[in-house]
């Protein structure tokens, strides 16, 4: 089972990277997560809009998201499938 975190997007850093204020961690997570994490989007869905196109990423600021974690890259950025809640 993949680790999961939930939180509020604080800053969009690029077309596929944002910072999230972590508000909740999955009970069965294998790893611990900091209060603020940088996330690289593997795939993103928004139940109201389907797949979110790259140019619309700035609209994620202040949105609540669920990140299903796939791993970390060489800079410790989380790689995750992201769902807008």
PDB file of N, CA and C in Angstrom:
ATOM      1  N   UNK A   1       0.845  -1.184   0.000  1.00  0.00           N
ATOM      2  CA  UNK A   1       0.000   0.000   0.000  1.00  0.00           C
ATOM      3  C   UNK A   1       0.888   1.244   0.000  1.00  0.00           C
ATOM      4  N   UNK A   2       0.578   2.192  -0.841  1.00  0.00           N
ATOM      5  CA  UNK A   2       1.354   3.429  -0.933  1.00  0.00           C
ATOM      6  C   UNK A   2       1.041   4.353   0.238  1.00  0.00           C
ATOM      7  N   UNK A   3       2.054   5.107   0.661  1.00  0.00           N
ATOM      8  CA  UNK A   3       1.823   6.135   1.672  1.00  0.00           C
ATOM      9  C   UNK A   3       0.923   7.220   1.094  1.00  0.00           C
ATOM     10  N   UNK A   4       0.189   7.884   1.982  1.00  0.00           N
ATOM     11  CA  UNK A   4      -0.718   8.954   1.572  1.00  0.00           C
ATOM     12  C   UNK A   4      -0.584  10.121   2.529  1.00  0.00           C
ATOM     13  N   UNK A   5      -0.585  11.336   1.962  1.00  0.00           N
ATOM     14  CA  UNK A   5      -0.668  12.548   2.785  1.00  0.00           C
ATOM     15  C   UNK A   5      -1.768  13.436   2.215  1.00  0.00           C
ATOM     16  N   UNK A   6      -2.327  14.261   3.070  1.00  0.00           N
ATOM     17  CA  UNK A   6      -3.328  15.240   2.675  1.00  0.00           C
ATOM     18  C   UNK A   6      -2.812  16.605   3.106  1.00  0.00           C
ATOM     19  N   UNK A   7      -3.202  17.632   2.379  1.00  0.00           N
ATOM     20  CA  UNK A   7      -2.783  18.961   2.790  1.00  0.00           C
ATOM     21  C   UNK A   7      -3.317  20.039   1.877  1.00  0.00           C
ATOM     22  N   UNK A   8      -2.846  21.263   2.137  1.00  0.00           N
ATOM     23  CA  UNK A   8      -3.269  22.437   1.392  1.00  0.00           C
ATOM     24  C   UNK A   8      -2.086  22.960   0.583  1.00  0.00           C
ATOM     25  N   UNK A   9      -2.297  23.167  -0.713  1.00  0.00           N
ATOM     26  CA  UNK A   9      -1.241  23.674  -1.586  1.00  0.00           C
ATOM     27  C   UNK A   9      -0.927  25.114  -1.192  1.00  0.00           C
ATOM     28  N   UNK A  10       0.358  25.380  -0.958  1.00  0.00           N
ATOM     29  CA  UNK A  10       0.809  26.708  -0.543  1.00  0.00           C
ATOM     30  C   UNK A  10       1.396  27.500  -1.707  1.00  0.00           C
ATOM     31  N   UNK A  11       2.245  26.851  -2.504  1.00  0.00           N
ATOM     32  CA  UNK A  11       2.967  27.522  -3.576  1.00  0.00           C
ATOM     33  C   UNK A  11       3.084  26.578  -4.765  1.00  0.00           C
ATOM     34  N   UNK A  12       2.883  27.102  -5.967  1.00  0.00           N
ATOM     35  CA  UNK A  12       3.147  26.340  -7.182  1.00  0.00           C
ATOM     36  C   UNK A  12       4.506  26.790  -7.688  1.00  0.00           C
ATOM     37  N   UNK A  13       5.448  25.842  -7.781  1.00  0.00           N
ATOM     38  CA  UNK A  13       6.829  26.157  -8.132  1.00  0.00           C
ATOM     39  C   UNK A  13       7.139  25.939  -9.606  1.00  0.00           C
ATOM     40  N   UNK A  14       6.276  25.244 -10.303  1.00  0.00           N
ATOM     41  CA  UNK A  14       6.483  24.962 -11.720  1.00  0.00           C
ATOM     42  C   UNK A  14       5.305  24.193 -12.262  1.00  0.00           C
ATOM     43  N   UNK A  15       5.382  23.768 -13.519  1.00  0.00           N
ATOM     44  CA  UNK A  15       4.236  23.090 -14.122  1.00  0.00           C
ATOM     45  C   UNK A  15       3.884  21.762 -13.475  1.00  0.00           C
ATOM     46  N   UNK A  16       4.838  21.163 -12.745  1.00  0.00           N
ATOM     47  CA  UNK A  16       4.522  19.873 -12.120  1.00  0.00           C
ATOM     48  C   UNK A  16       5.022  19.758 -10.677  1.00  0.00           C
ATOM     49  N   UNK A  17       5.348  20.897 -10.037  1.00  0.00           N
ATOM     50  CA  UNK A  17       5.844  20.872  -8.651  1.00  0.00           C
ATOM     51  C   UNK A  17       5.118  21.924  -7.817  1.00  0.00           C
ATOM     52  N   UNK A  18       4.723  21.517  -6.604  1.00  0.00           N
ATOM     53  CA  UNK A  18       4.132  22.475  -5.666  1.00  0.00           C
ATOM     54  C   UNK A  18       4.564  22.115  -4.251  1.00  0.00           C
ATOM     55  N   UNK A  19       4.352  23.057  -3.330  1.00  0.00           N
ATOM     56  CA  UNK A  19       4.588  22.796  -1.914  1.00  0.00           C
ATOM     57  C   UNK A  19       3.251  22.650  -1.225  1.00  0.00           C
ATOM     58  N   UNK A  20       3.169  21.650  -0.357  1.00  0.00           N
ATOM     59  CA  UNK A  20       1.922  21.367   0.350  1.00  0.00           C
ATOM     60  C   UNK A  20       2.167  21.433   1.858  1.00  0.00           C
ATOM     61  N   UNK A  21       1.251  22.085   2.562  1.00  0.00           N
ATOM     62  CA  UNK A  21       1.231  22.098   4.017  1.00  0.00           C
ATOM     63  C   UNK A  21       0.518  20.816   4.434  1.00  0.00           C
ATOM     64  N   UNK A  22       1.257  19.880   5.007  1.00  0.00           N
ATOM     65  CA  UNK A  22       0.709  18.569   5.348  1.00  0.00           C
ATOM     66  C   UNK A  22      -0.194  18.697   6.574  1.00  0.00           C
ATOM     67  N   UNK A  23      -1.460  18.298   6.404  1.00  0.00           N
ATOM     68  CA  UNK A  23      -2.426  18.392   7.504  1.00  0.00           C
ATOM     69  C   UNK A  23      -2.794  17.018   8.067  1.00  0.00           C
ATOM     70  N   UNK A  24      -2.476  15.966   7.296  1.00  0.00           N
ATOM     71  CA  UNK A  24      -2.832  14.607   7.739  1.00  0.00           C
ATOM     72  C   UNK A  24      -1.937  13.606   7.022  1.00  0.00           C
ATOM     73  N   UNK A  25      -1.595  12.539   7.720  1.00  0.00           N
ATOM     74  CA  UNK A  25      -0.831  11.447   7.129  1.00  0.00           C
ATOM     75  C   UNK A  25      -1.638  10.161   7.265  1.00  0.00           C
ATOM     76  N   UNK A  26      -1.479   9.266   6.307  1.00  0.00           N
ATOM     77  CA  UNK A  26      -2.158   7.983   6.363  1.00  0.00           C
ATOM     78  C   UNK A  26      -1.709   7.186   7.578  1.00  0.00           C
ATOM     79  N   UNK A  27      -2.642   6.496   8.223  1.00  0.00           N
ATOM     80  CA  UNK A  27      -2.332   5.728   9.434  1.00  0.00           C
ATOM     81  C   UNK A  27      -1.331   4.606   9.178  1.00  0.00           C
ATOM     82  N   UNK A  28      -1.337   4.030   7.997  1.00  0.00           N
ATOM     83  CA  UNK A  28      -0.446   2.918   7.699  1.00  0.00           C
ATOM     84  C   UNK A  28       0.817   3.324   6.947  1.00  0.00           C
ATOM     85  N   UNK A  29       1.141   4.618   6.930  1.00  0.00           N
ATOM     86  CA  UNK A  29       2.317   5.075   6.193  1.00  0.00           C
ATOM     87  C   UNK A  29       3.585   4.401   6.691  1.00  0.00           C
ATOM     88  N   UNK A  30       4.456   4.067   5.760  1.00  0.00           N
ATOM     89  CA  UNK A  30       5.748   3.458   6.101  1.00  0.00           C
ATOM     90  C   UNK A  30       6.777   4.510   6.497  1.00  0.00           C
ATOM     91  N   UNK A  31       6.581   5.773   6.056  1.00  0.00           N
ATOM     92  CA  UNK A  31       7.540   6.835   6.304  1.00  0.00           C
ATOM     93  C   UNK A  31       6.861   8.020   6.977  1.00  0.00           C
ATOM     94  N   UNK A  32       7.682   8.859   7.620  1.00  0.00           N
ATOM     95  CA  UNK A  32       7.195  10.103   8.220  1.00  0.00           C
ATOM     96  C   UNK A  32       7.380  11.238   7.216  1.00  0.00           C
ATOM     97  N   UNK A  33       6.552  12.260   7.336  1.00  0.00           N
ATOM     98  CA  UNK A  33       6.593  13.398   6.423  1.00  0.00           C
ATOM     99  C   UNK A  33       6.646  14.680   7.230  1.00  0.00           C
ATOM    100  N   UNK A  34       7.324  15.693   6.674  1.00  0.00           N
ATOM    101  CA  UNK A  34       7.462  16.975   7.346  1.00  0.00           C
ATOM    102  C   UNK A  34       6.189  17.786   7.264  1.00  0.00           C
ATOM    103  N   UNK A  35       6.149  18.900   7.996  1.00  0.00           N
ATOM    104  CA  UNK A  35       4.961  19.755   7.972  1.00  0.00           C
ATOM    105  C   UNK A  35       4.756  20.435   6.620  1.00  0.00           C
ATOM    106  N   UNK A  36       5.839  20.610   5.857  1.00  0.00           N
ATOM    107  CA  UNK A  36       5.762  21.177   4.510  1.00  0.00           C
ATOM    108  C   UNK A  36       6.577  20.258   3.603  1.00  0.00           C
ATOM    109  N   UNK A  37       5.963  19.807   2.515  1.00  0.00           N
ATOM    110  CA  UNK A  37       6.644  18.911   1.585  1.00  0.00           C
ATOM    111  C   UNK A  37       6.527  19.458   0.165  1.00  0.00           C
ATOM    112  N   UNK A  38       7.567  19.229  -0.615  1.00  0.00           N
ATOM    113  CA  UNK A  38       7.568  19.566  -2.039  1.00  0.00           C
ATOM    114  C   UNK A  38       7.104  18.320  -2.794  1.00  0.00           C
ATOM    115  N   UNK A  39       6.142  18.502  -3.715  1.00  0.00           N
ATOM    116  CA  UNK A  39       5.530  17.378  -4.426  1.00  0.00           C
ATOM    117  C   UNK A  39       5.665  17.575  -5.935  1.00  0.00           C
ATOM    118  N   UNK A  40       6.163  16.548  -6.607  1.00  0.00           N
ATOM    119  CA  UNK A  40       6.174  16.505  -8.076  1.00  0.00           C
ATOM    120  C   UNK A  40       4.990  15.631  -8.494  1.00  0.00           C
ATOM    121  N   UNK A  41       4.186  16.141  -9.404  1.00  0.00           N
ATOM    122  CA  UNK A  41       2.962  15.458  -9.825  1.00  0.00           C
ATOM    123  C   UNK A  41       3.282  14.317 -10.783  1.00  0.00           C
ATOM    124  N   UNK A  42       2.847  13.115 -10.415  1.00  0.00           N
ATOM    125  CA  UNK A  42       2.912  11.981 -11.330  1.00  0.00           C
ATOM    126  C   UNK A  42       1.715  12.046 -12.264  1.00  0.00           C
ATOM    127  N   UNK A  43       0.529  12.053 -11.684  1.00  0.00           N
ATOM    128  CA  UNK A  43      -0.740  12.246 -12.405  1.00  0.00           C
ATOM    129  C   UNK A  43      -1.637  13.067 -11.501  1.00  0.00           C
ATOM    130  N   UNK A  44      -2.544  13.826 -12.082  1.00  0.00           N
ATOM    131  CA  UNK A  44      -3.446  14.644 -11.277  1.00  0.00           C
ATOM    132  C   UNK A  44      -4.863  14.535 -11.794  1.00  0.00           C
ATOM    133  N   UNK A  45      -5.793  14.386 -10.857  1.00  0.00           N
ATOM    134  CA  UNK A  45      -7.205  14.403 -11.213  1.00  0.00           C
ATOM    135  C   UNK A  45      -7.939  15.348 -10.283  1.00  0.00           C
ATOM    136  N   UNK A  46      -8.970  15.922 -10.827  1.00  0.00           N
ATOM    137  CA  UNK A  46      -9.869  16.794 -10.086  1.00  0.00           C
ATOM    138  C   UNK A  46     -11.251  16.258 -10.372  1.00  0.00           C
ATOM    139  N   UNK A  47     -11.937  15.704  -9.361  1.00  0.00           N
ATOM    140  CA  UNK A  47     -13.242  15.083  -9.618  1.00  0.00           C
ATOM    141  C   UNK A  47     -14.207  15.975 -10.379  1.00  0.00           C
ATOM    142  N   UNK A  48     -14.084  17.283 -10.223  1.00  0.00           N
ATOM    143  CA  UNK A  48     -14.984  18.203 -10.926  1.00  0.00           C
ATOM    144  C   UNK A  48     -14.525  18.555 -12.325  1.00  0.00           C
ATOM    145  N   UNK A  49     -13.234  18.315 -12.630  1.00  0.00           N
ATOM    146  CA  UNK A  49     -12.707  18.773 -13.914  1.00  0.00           C
ATOM    147  C   UNK A  49     -11.940  17.711 -14.682  1.00  0.00           C
ATOM    148  N   UNK A  50     -11.850  16.502 -14.159  1.00  0.00           N
ATOM    149  CA  UNK A  50     -11.084  15.458 -14.831  1.00  0.00           C
ATOM    150  C   UNK A  50      -9.588  15.710 -14.667  1.00  0.00           C
ATOM    151  N   UNK A  51      -8.814  15.444 -15.696  1.00  0.00           N
ATOM    152  CA  UNK A  51      -7.370  15.654 -15.635  1.00  0.00           C
ATOM    153  C   UNK A  51      -7.092  17.152 -15.737  1.00  0.00           C
ATOM    154  N   UNK A  52      -6.249  17.661 -14.849  1.00  0.00           N
ATOM    155  CA  UNK A  52      -5.964  19.099 -14.791  1.00  0.00           C
ATOM    156  C   UNK A  52      -4.836  19.424 -15.769  1.00  0.00           C
ATOM    157  N   UNK A  53      -5.083  20.276 -16.770  1.00  0.00           N
ATOM    158  CA  UNK A  53      -4.026  20.625 -17.715  1.00  0.00           C
ATOM    159  C   UNK A  53      -2.926  21.462 -17.058  1.00  0.00           C
ATOM    160  N   UNK A  54      -1.697  21.335 -17.561  1.00  0.00           N
ATOM    161  CA  UNK A  54      -0.550  22.043 -16.981  1.00  0.00           C
ATOM    162  C   UNK A  54      -0.755  23.544 -16.796  1.00  0.00           C
ATOM    163  N   UNK A  55      -1.315  24.283 -17.771  1.00  0.00           N
ATOM    164  CA  UNK A  55      -1.416  25.737 -17.595  1.00  0.00           C
ATOM    165  C   UNK A  55      -2.302  26.164 -16.427  1.00  0.00           C
ATOM    166  N   UNK A  56      -3.140  25.266 -15.938  1.00  0.00           N
ATOM    167  CA  UNK A  56      -4.063  25.610 -14.861  1.00  0.00           C
ATOM    168  C   UNK A  56      -3.510  25.285 -13.471  1.00  0.00           C
ATOM    169  N   UNK A  57      -2.257  24.937 -13.334  1.00  0.00           N
ATOM    170  CA  UNK A  57      -1.696  24.525 -12.045  1.00  0.00           C
ATOM    171  C   UNK A  57      -1.779  25.619 -10.987  1.00  0.00           C
ATOM    172  N   UNK A  58      -1.639  26.897 -11.361  1.00  0.00           N
ATOM    173  CA  UNK A  58      -1.673  27.988 -10.378  1.00  0.00           C
ATOM    174  C   UNK A  58      -3.008  28.018  -9.619  1.00  0.00           C
ATOM    175  N   UNK A  59      -4.044  27.501 -10.221  1.00  0.00           N
ATOM    176  CA  UNK A  59      -5.348  27.482  -9.537  1.00  0.00           C
ATOM    177  C   UNK A  59      -5.354  26.544  -8.342  1.00  0.00           C
ATOM    178  N   UNK A  60      -4.301  25.745  -8.201  1.00  0.00           N
ATOM    179  CA  UNK A  60      -4.209  24.806  -7.075  1.00  0.00           C
ATOM    180  C   UNK A  60      -3.879  25.498  -5.754  1.00  0.00           C
ATOM    181  N   UNK A  61      -3.371  26.720  -5.806  1.00  0.00           N
ATOM    182  CA  UNK A  61      -3.011  27.414  -4.564  1.00  0.00           C
ATOM    183  C   UNK A  61      -4.235  27.491  -3.653  1.00  0.00           C
ATOM    184  N   UNK A  62      -4.036  27.101  -2.398  1.00  0.00           N
ATOM    185  CA  UNK A  62      -5.059  27.052  -1.340  1.00  0.00           C
ATOM    186  C   UNK A  62      -6.030  25.869  -1.468  1.00  0.00           C
ATOM    187  N   UNK A  63      -5.892  25.045  -2.495  1.00  0.00           N
ATOM    188  CA  UNK A  63      -6.754  23.867  -2.637  1.00  0.00           C
ATOM    189  C   UNK A  63      -6.249  22.744  -1.730  1.00  0.00           C
ATOM    190  N   UNK A  64      -7.160  21.901  -1.301  1.00  0.00           N
ATOM    191  CA  UNK A  64      -6.810  20.726  -0.511  1.00  0.00           C
ATOM    192  C   UNK A  64      -6.625  19.547  -1.457  1.00  0.00           C
ATOM    193  N   UNK A  65      -5.563  18.781  -1.213  1.00  0.00           N
ATOM    194  CA  UNK A  65      -5.211  17.679  -2.091  1.00  0.00           C
ATOM    195  C   UNK A  65      -4.886  16.420  -1.292  1.00  0.00           C
ATOM    196  N   UNK A  66      -5.024  15.288  -1.963  1.00  0.00           N
ATOM    197  CA  UNK A  66      -4.555  14.007  -1.437  1.00  0.00           C
ATOM    198  C   UNK A  66      -3.421  13.550  -2.347  1.00  0.00           C
ATOM    199  N   UNK A  67      -2.301  13.173  -1.755  1.00  0.00           N
ATOM    200  CA  UNK A  67      -1.129  12.730  -2.512  1.00  0.00           C
ATOM    201  C   UNK A  67      -0.877  11.254  -2.220  1.00  0.00           C
ATOM    202  N   UNK A  68      -1.022  10.428  -3.244  1.00  0.00           N
ATOM    203  CA  UNK A  68      -0.699   9.004  -3.139  1.00  0.00           C
ATOM    204  C   UNK A  68       0.750   8.866  -3.588  1.00  0.00           C
ATOM    205  N   UNK A  69       1.623   8.619  -2.649  1.00  0.00           N
ATOM    206  CA  UNK A  69       3.053   8.749  -2.866  1.00  0.00           C
ATOM    207  C   UNK A  69       3.622   7.549  -3.614  1.00  0.00           C
ATOM    208  N   UNK A  70       4.368   7.866  -4.678  1.00  0.00           N
ATOM    209  CA  UNK A  70       5.025   6.860  -5.506  1.00  0.00           C
ATOM    210  C   UNK A  70       6.487   6.691  -5.096  1.00  0.00           C
ATOM    211  N   UNK A  71       7.083   7.731  -4.522  1.00  0.00           N
ATOM    212  CA  UNK A  71       8.494   7.695  -4.117  1.00  0.00           C
ATOM    213  C   UNK A  71       9.042   9.097  -3.969  1.00  0.00           C
ATOM    214  N   UNK A  72      10.369   9.202  -3.946  1.00  0.00           N
ATOM    215  CA  UNK A  72      11.059  10.494  -3.886  1.00  0.00           C
ATOM    216  C   UNK A  72      12.122  10.519  -4.974  1.00  0.00           C
ATOM    217  N   UNK A  73      12.406  11.725  -5.496  1.00  0.00           N
ATOM    218  CA  UNK A  73      13.475  11.847  -6.479  1.00  0.00           C
ATOM    219  C   UNK A  73      14.802  12.103  -5.764  1.00  0.00           C
ATOM    220  N   UNK A  74      15.855  12.351  -6.514  1.00  0.00           N
ATOM    221  CA  UNK A  74      17.192  12.526  -5.939  1.00  0.00           C
ATOM    222  C   UNK A  74      17.318  13.771  -5.065  1.00  0.00           C
ATOM    223  N   UNK A  75      16.378  14.703  -5.174  1.00  0.00           N
ATOM    224  CA  UNK A  75      16.383  15.914  -4.340  1.00  0.00           C
ATOM    225  C   UNK A  75      15.401  15.810  -3.180  1.00  0.00           C
ATOM    226  N   UNK A  76      14.907  14.610  -2.915  1.00  0.00           N
ATOM    227  CA  UNK A  76      13.937  14.321  -1.848  1.00  0.00           C
ATOM    228  C   UNK A  76      12.551  14.904  -2.091  1.00  0.00           C
ATOM    229  N   UNK A  77      12.269  15.338  -3.312  1.00  0.00           N
ATOM    230  CA  UNK A  77      10.926  15.784  -3.656  1.00  0.00           C
ATOM    231  C   UNK A  77      10.031  14.560  -3.789  1.00  0.00           C
ATOM    232  N   UNK A  78       8.865  14.618  -3.177  1.00  0.00           N
ATOM    233  CA  UNK A  78       7.887  13.528  -3.294  1.00  0.00           C
ATOM    234  C   UNK A  78       7.360  13.468  -4.722  1.00  0.00           C
ATOM    235  N   UNK A  79       7.237  12.272  -5.245  1.00  0.00           N
ATOM    236  CA  UNK A  79       6.557  12.033  -6.522  1.00  0.00           C
ATOM    237  C   UNK A  79       5.241  11.357  -6.169  1.00  0.00           C
ATOM    238  N   UNK A  80       4.114  11.949  -6.606  1.00  0.00           N
ATOM    239  CA  UNK A  80       2.818  11.431  -6.160  1.00  0.00           C
ATOM    240  C   UNK A  80       1.750  11.625  -7.214  1.00  0.00           C
ATOM    241  N   UNK A  81       0.770  10.733  -7.182  1.00  0.00           N
ATOM    242  CA  UNK A  81      -0.469  10.949  -7.906  1.00  0.00           C
ATOM    243  C   UNK A  81      -1.333  11.821  -7.011  1.00  0.00           C
ATOM    244  N   UNK A  82      -1.840  12.915  -7.554  1.00  0.00           N
ATOM    245  CA  UNK A  82      -2.502  13.945  -6.759  1.00  0.00           C
ATOM    246  C   UNK A  82      -3.978  14.039  -7.139  1.00  0.00           C
ATOM    247  N   UNK A  83      -4.820  14.101  -6.119  1.00  0.00           N
ATOM    248  CA  UNK A  83      -6.257  14.297  -6.314  1.00  0.00           C
ATOM    249  C   UNK A  83      -6.662  15.581  -5.610  1.00  0.00           C
ATOM    250  N   UNK A  84      -7.338  16.477  -6.337  1.00  0.00           N
ATOM    251  CA  UNK A  84      -7.867  17.699  -5.732  1.00  0.00           C
ATOM    252  C   UNK A  84      -9.160  17.322  -5.012  1.00  0.00           C
ATOM    253  N   UNK A  85      -9.267  17.735  -3.764  1.00  0.00           N
ATOM    254  CA  UNK A  85     -10.441  17.377  -2.945  1.00  0.00           C
ATOM    255  C   UNK A  85     -11.484  18.478  -2.953  1.00  0.00           C
TER     256      UNK A  85
END
